[in-house]
Amino acid sequence: MEYNNQLSENDKRFADEFSNYVNGKMASPRKMGKALADDHRYLVNEKAKLMFYFMEQLAEN
């Protein structure tokens, strides 16, 4: 992944942990999505930004 050298160490660690989480540790994507949305509106907005950038990258790929 060519972008990895552009990530901070914390961001890289999160990306790796999130990949590990969705690869066998997550019980229900639907319930997890609902849980992530049940947060302070600012944090929900920040999560949405991340999701939109992820979707944008998927479209480019």
PDB file of N, CA and C in Angstrom:
ATOM      1  N   MET A   1       0.838  -1.184   0.000  1.00  0.00           N
ATOM      2  CA  MET A   1       0.000   0.000   0.000  1.00  0.00           C
ATOM      3  C   MET A   1       0.880   1.243   0.000  1.00  0.00           C
ATOM      4  N   GLU A   2       0.824   1.966  -1.062  1.00  0.00           N
ATOM      5  CA  GLU A   2       1.725   3.101  -1.223  1.00  0.00           C
ATOM      6  C   GLU A   2       1.422   4.261  -0.279  1.00  0.00           C
ATOM      7  N   TYR A   3       0.203   4.400   0.187  1.00  0.00           N
ATOM      8  CA  TYR A   3      -0.147   5.506   1.071  1.00  0.00           C
ATOM      9  C   TYR A   3       0.369   5.306   2.487  1.00  0.00           C
ATOM     10  N   ASN A   4       0.781   4.097   2.850  1.00  0.00           N
ATOM     11  CA  ASN A   4       1.179   3.821   4.233  1.00  0.00           C
ATOM     12  C   ASN A   4       2.304   4.724   4.710  1.00  0.00           C
ATOM     13  N   ASN A   5       3.225   5.107   3.824  1.00  0.00           N
ATOM     14  CA  ASN A   5       4.306   5.972   4.274  1.00  0.00           C
ATOM     15  C   ASN A   5       3.821   7.397   4.538  1.00  0.00           C
ATOM     16  N   GLN A   6       2.598   7.707   4.156  1.00  0.00           N
ATOM     17  CA  GLN A   6       2.027   9.026   4.404  1.00  0.00           C
ATOM     18  C   GLN A   6       1.211   9.061   5.693  1.00  0.00           C
ATOM     19  N   LEU A   7       0.957   7.918   6.283  1.00  0.00           N
ATOM     20  CA  LEU A   7       0.142   7.846   7.485  1.00  0.00           C
ATOM     21  C   LEU A   7       0.986   8.056   8.733  1.00  0.00           C
ATOM     22  N   SER A   8       0.363   8.667   9.738  1.00  0.00           N
ATOM     23  CA  SER A   8       1.033   8.735  11.028  1.00  0.00           C
ATOM     24  C   SER A   8       1.063   7.330  11.615  1.00  0.00           C
ATOM     25  N   GLU A   9       1.880   7.135  12.598  1.00  0.00           N
ATOM     26  CA  GLU A   9       1.970   5.818  13.238  1.00  0.00           C
ATOM     27  C   GLU A   9       0.623   5.421  13.850  1.00  0.00           C
ATOM     28  N   ASN A  10      -0.071   6.382  14.467  1.00  0.00           N
ATOM     29  CA  ASN A  10      -1.391   6.094  15.047  1.00  0.00           C
ATOM     30  C   ASN A  10      -2.403   5.710  13.981  1.00  0.00           C
ATOM     31  N   ASP A  11      -2.381   6.421  12.860  1.00  0.00           N
ATOM     32  CA  ASP A  11      -3.318   6.115  11.773  1.00  0.00           C
ATOM     33  C   ASP A  11      -3.039   4.735  11.187  1.00  0.00           C
ATOM     34  N   LYS A  12      -1.783   4.403  11.012  1.00  0.00           N
ATOM     35  CA  LYS A  12      -1.403   3.089  10.480  1.00  0.00           C
ATOM     36  C   LYS A  12      -1.856   1.992  11.440  1.00  0.00           C
ATOM     37  N   ARG A  13      -1.646   2.198  12.725  1.00  0.00           N
ATOM     38  CA  ARG A  13      -2.042   1.214  13.735  1.00  0.00           C
ATOM     39  C   ARG A  13      -3.561   1.012  13.702  1.00  0.00           C
ATOM     40  N   PHE A  14      -4.319   2.120  13.599  1.00  0.00           N
ATOM     41  CA  PHE A  14      -5.773   2.005  13.534  1.00  0.00           C
ATOM     42  C   PHE A  14      -6.200   1.245  12.282  1.00  0.00           C
ATOM     43  N   ALA A  15      -5.621   1.565  11.137  1.00  0.00           N
ATOM     44  CA  ALA A  15      -5.987   0.880   9.892  1.00  0.00           C
ATOM     45  C   ALA A  15      -5.735  -0.620  10.007  1.00  0.00           C
ATOM     46  N   ASP A  16      -4.612  -0.983  10.581  1.00  0.00           N
ATOM     47  CA  ASP A  16      -4.289  -2.401  10.768  1.00  0.00           C
ATOM     48  C   ASP A  16      -5.259  -3.072  11.746  1.00  0.00           C
ATOM     49  N   GLU A  17      -5.529  -2.417  12.866  1.00  0.00           N
ATOM     50  CA  GLU A  17      -6.446  -2.986  13.863  1.00  0.00           C
ATOM     51  C   GLU A  17      -7.856  -3.107  13.306  1.00  0.00           C
ATOM     52  N   PHE A  18      -8.285  -2.109  12.548  1.00  0.00           N
ATOM     53  CA  PHE A  18      -9.624  -2.157  11.963  1.00  0.00           C
ATOM     54  C   PHE A  18      -9.732  -3.305  10.967  1.00  0.00           C
ATOM     55  N   SER A  19      -8.708  -3.495  10.158  1.00  0.00           N
ATOM     56  CA  SER A  19      -8.692  -4.630   9.229  1.00  0.00           C
ATOM     57  C   SER A  19      -8.780  -5.950   9.982  1.00  0.00           C
ATOM     58  N   ASN A  20      -8.020  -6.070  11.050  1.00  0.00           N
ATOM     59  CA  ASN A  20      -8.080  -7.282  11.868  1.00  0.00           C
ATOM     60  C   ASN A  20      -9.459  -7.470  12.479  1.00  0.00           C
ATOM     61  N   TYR A  21     -10.067  -6.378  12.911  1.00  0.00           N
ATOM     62  CA  TYR A  21     -11.387  -6.445  13.540  1.00  0.00           C
ATOM     63  C   TYR A  21     -12.442  -6.961  12.562  1.00  0.00           C
ATOM     64  N   VAL A  22     -12.480  -6.386  11.367  1.00  0.00           N
ATOM     65  CA  VAL A  22     -13.512  -6.805  10.414  1.00  0.00           C
ATOM     66  C   VAL A  22     -13.212  -8.180   9.815  1.00  0.00           C
ATOM     67  N   ASN A  23     -11.989  -8.650   9.981  1.00  0.00           N
ATOM     68  CA  ASN A  23     -11.606  -9.956   9.459  1.00  0.00           C
ATOM     69  C   ASN A  23     -11.746 -11.032  10.538  1.00  0.00           C
ATOM     70  N   GLY A  24     -12.949 -11.164  11.075  1.00  0.00           N
ATOM     71  CA  GLY A  24     -13.213 -12.268  11.965  1.00  0.00           C
ATOM     72  C   GLY A  24     -13.605 -11.936  13.384  1.00  0.00           C
ATOM     73  N   LYS A  25     -13.389 -10.708  13.833  1.00  0.00           N
ATOM     74  CA  LYS A  25     -13.729 -10.356  15.210  1.00  0.00           C
ATOM     75  C   LYS A  25     -15.102  -9.686  15.322  1.00  0.00           C
ATOM     76  N   MET A  26     -15.610  -9.167  14.216  1.00  0.00           N
ATOM     77  CA  MET A  26     -16.865  -8.424  14.235  1.00  0.00           C
ATOM     78  C   MET A  26     -18.039  -9.399  14.155  1.00  0.00           C
ATOM     79  N   ALA A  27     -18.971  -9.275  15.084  1.00  0.00           N
ATOM     80  CA  ALA A  27     -20.128 -10.159  15.109  1.00  0.00           C
ATOM     81  C   ALA A  27     -21.209  -9.720  14.118  1.00  0.00           C
ATOM     82  N   SER A  28     -21.471  -8.417  14.033  1.00  0.00           N
ATOM     83  CA  SER A  28     -22.552  -7.935  13.186  1.00  0.00           C
ATOM     84  C   SER A  28     -22.218  -6.564  12.616  1.00  0.00           C
ATOM     85  N   PRO A  29     -22.004  -6.468  11.307  1.00  0.00           N
ATOM     86  CA  PRO A  29     -21.739  -5.157  10.706  1.00  0.00           C
ATOM     87  C   PRO A  29     -22.892  -4.174  10.933  1.00  0.00           C
ATOM     88  N   ARG A  30     -24.107  -4.659  10.865  1.00  0.00           N
ATOM     89  CA  ARG A  30     -25.271  -3.780  11.058  1.00  0.00           C
ATOM     90  C   ARG A  30     -25.288  -3.205  12.474  1.00  0.00           C
ATOM     91  N   LYS A  31     -25.110  -4.053  13.477  1.00  0.00           N
ATOM     92  CA  LYS A  31     -25.104  -3.576  14.861  1.00  0.00           C
ATOM     93  C   LYS A  31     -23.918  -2.659  15.120  1.00  0.00           C
ATOM     94  N   MET A  32     -22.790  -2.972  14.526  1.00  0.00           N
ATOM     95  CA  MET A  32     -21.606  -2.129  14.702  1.00  0.00           C
ATOM     96  C   MET A  32     -21.832  -0.764  14.071  1.00  0.00           C
ATOM     97  N   GLY A  33     -22.437  -0.743  12.879  1.00  0.00           N
ATOM     98  CA  GLY A  33     -22.756   0.532  12.237  1.00  0.00           C
ATOM     99  C   GLY A  33     -23.680   1.378  13.086  1.00  0.00           C
ATOM    100  N   LYS A  34     -24.689   0.731  13.681  1.00  0.00           N
ATOM    101  CA  LYS A  34     -25.606   1.460  14.562  1.00  0.00           C
ATOM    102  C   LYS A  34     -24.878   1.978  15.793  1.00  0.00           C
ATOM    103  N   ALA A  35     -23.988   1.174  16.348  1.00  0.00           N
ATOM    104  CA  ALA A  35     -23.244   1.602  17.530  1.00  0.00           C
ATOM    105  C   ALA A  35     -22.334   2.787  17.210  1.00  0.00           C
ATOM    106  N   LEU A  36     -21.699   2.770  16.043  1.00  0.00           N
ATOM    107  CA  LEU A  36     -20.831   3.886  15.667  1.00  0.00           C
ATOM    108  C   LEU A  36     -21.620   5.170  15.453  1.00  0.00           C
ATOM    109  N   ALA A  37     -22.868   5.043  15.027  1.00  0.00           N
ATOM    110  CA  ALA A  37     -23.715   6.214  14.799  1.00  0.00           C
ATOM    111  C   ALA A  37     -24.279   6.763  16.109  1.00  0.00           C
ATOM    112  N   ASP A  38     -24.257   5.976  17.155  1.00  0.00           N
ATOM    113  CA  ASP A  38     -24.808   6.383  18.445  1.00  0.00           C
ATOM    114  C   ASP A  38     -23.717   7.054  19.272  1.00  0.00           C
ATOM    115  N   ASP A  39     -23.375   8.253  18.872  1.00  0.00           N
ATOM    116  CA  ASP A  39     -22.273   8.978  19.494  1.00  0.00           C
ATOM    117  C   ASP A  39     -22.573  10.469  19.416  1.00  0.00           C
ATOM    118  N   HIS A  40     -21.714  11.262  19.985  1.00  0.00           N
ATOM    119  CA  HIS A  40     -21.854  12.718  19.889  1.00  0.00           C
ATOM    120  C   HIS A  40     -21.846  13.125  18.423  1.00  0.00           C
ATOM    121  N   ARG A  41     -22.654  14.113  18.064  1.00  0.00           N
ATOM    122  CA  ARG A  41     -22.810  14.483  16.646  1.00  0.00           C
ATOM    123  C   ARG A  41     -21.481  14.866  15.989  1.00  0.00           C
ATOM    124  N   TYR A  42     -20.573  15.490  16.711  1.00  0.00           N
ATOM    125  CA  TYR A  42     -19.271  15.831  16.137  1.00  0.00           C
ATOM    126  C   TYR A  42     -18.504  14.558  15.761  1.00  0.00           C
ATOM    127  N   LEU A  43     -18.518  13.577  16.667  1.00  0.00           N
ATOM    128  CA  LEU A  43     -17.803  12.328  16.400  1.00  0.00           C
ATOM    129  C   LEU A  43     -18.449  11.548  15.267  1.00  0.00           C
ATOM    130  N   VAL A  44     -19.772  11.587  15.193  1.00  0.00           N
ATOM    131  CA  VAL A  44     -20.470  10.941  14.077  1.00  0.00           C
ATOM    132  C   VAL A  44     -20.046  11.607  12.767  1.00  0.00           C
ATOM    133  N   ASN A  45     -19.929  12.929  12.770  1.00  0.00           N
ATOM    134  CA  ASN A  45     -19.507  13.652  11.582  1.00  0.00           C
ATOM    135  C   ASN A  45     -18.087  13.254  11.166  1.00  0.00           C
ATOM    136  N   GLU A  46     -17.187  13.142  12.137  1.00  0.00           N
ATOM    137  CA  GLU A  46     -15.810  12.749  11.828  1.00  0.00           C
ATOM    138  C   GLU A  46     -15.756  11.320  11.276  1.00  0.00           C
ATOM    139  N   LYS A  47     -16.553  10.438  11.835  1.00  0.00           N
ATOM    140  CA  LYS A  47     -16.621   9.061  11.325  1.00  0.00           C
ATOM    141  C   LYS A  47     -17.169   9.055   9.904  1.00  0.00           C
ATOM    142  N   ALA A  48     -18.174   9.887   9.650  1.00  0.00           N
ATOM    143  CA  ALA A  48     -18.752   9.968   8.308  1.00  0.00           C
ATOM    144  C   ALA A  48     -17.716  10.466   7.301  1.00  0.00           C
ATOM    145  N   LYS A  49     -16.914  11.458   7.694  1.00  0.00           N
ATOM    146  CA  LYS A  49     -15.861  11.944   6.789  1.00  0.00           C
ATOM    147  C   LYS A  49     -14.913  10.813   6.413  1.00  0.00           C
ATOM    148  N   LEU A  50     -14.514  10.033   7.400  1.00  0.00           N
ATOM    149  CA  LEU A  50     -13.628   8.908   7.140  1.00  0.00           C
ATOM    150  C   LEU A  50     -14.282   7.922   6.180  1.00  0.00           C
ATOM    151  N   MET A  51     -15.551   7.624   6.420  1.00  0.00           N
ATOM    152  CA  MET A  51     -16.270   6.687   5.564  1.00  0.00           C
ATOM    153  C   MET A  51     -16.379   7.217   4.135  1.00  0.00           C
ATOM    154  N   PHE A  52     -16.655   8.508   3.989  1.00  0.00           N
ATOM    155  CA  PHE A  52     -16.768   9.081   2.649  1.00  0.00           C
ATOM    156  C   PHE A  52     -15.426   9.067   1.910  1.00  0.00           C
ATOM    157  N   TYR A  53     -14.342   9.352   2.603  1.00  0.00           N
ATOM    158  CA  TYR A  53     -13.021   9.270   1.963  1.00  0.00           C
ATOM    159  C   TYR A  53     -12.691   7.833   1.580  1.00  0.00           C
ATOM    160  N   PHE A  54     -13.101   6.895   2.416  1.00  0.00           N
ATOM    161  CA  PHE A  54     -12.915   5.476   2.097  1.00  0.00           C
ATOM    162  C   PHE A  54     -13.692   5.124   0.827  1.00  0.00           C
ATOM    163  N   MET A  55     -14.948   5.550   0.742  1.00  0.00           N
ATOM    164  CA  MET A  55     -15.771   5.267  -0.439  1.00  0.00           C
ATOM    165  C   MET A  55     -15.174   5.939  -1.685  1.00  0.00           C
ATOM    166  N   GLU A  56     -14.668   7.149  -1.535  1.00  0.00           N
ATOM    167  CA  GLU A  56     -14.036   7.854  -2.639  1.00  0.00           C
ATOM    168  C   GLU A  56     -12.825   7.072  -3.159  1.00  0.00           C
ATOM    169  N   GLN A  57     -12.021   6.539  -2.244  1.00  0.00           N
ATOM    170  CA  GLN A  57     -10.849   5.759  -2.638  1.00  0.00           C
ATOM    171  C   GLN A  57     -11.266   4.475  -3.321  1.00  0.00           C
ATOM    172  N   LEU A  58     -12.328   3.833  -2.840  1.00  0.00           N
ATOM    173  CA  LEU A  58     -12.828   2.614  -3.493  1.00  0.00           C
ATOM    174  C   LEU A  58     -13.248   2.923  -4.934  1.00  0.00           C
ATOM    175  N   ALA A  59     -13.879   4.061  -5.154  1.00  0.00           N
ATOM    176  CA  ALA A  59     -14.297   4.438  -6.506  1.00  0.00           C
ATOM    177  C   ALA A  59     -13.091   4.667  -7.411  1.00  0.00           C
ATOM    178  N   GLU A  60     -12.022   5.258  -6.859  1.00  0.00           N
ATOM    179  CA  GLU A  60     -10.811   5.491  -7.653  1.00  0.00           C
ATOM    180  C   GLU A  60     -10.103   4.187  -7.993  1.00  0.00           C
ATOM    181  N   ASN A  61     -10.170   3.221  -7.072  1.00  0.00           N
ATOM    182  CA  ASN A  61      -9.500   1.946  -7.306  1.00  0.00           C
ATOM    183  C   ASN A  61     -10.226   1.146  -8.352  1.00  0.00           C
TER     184      ASN A  61
END
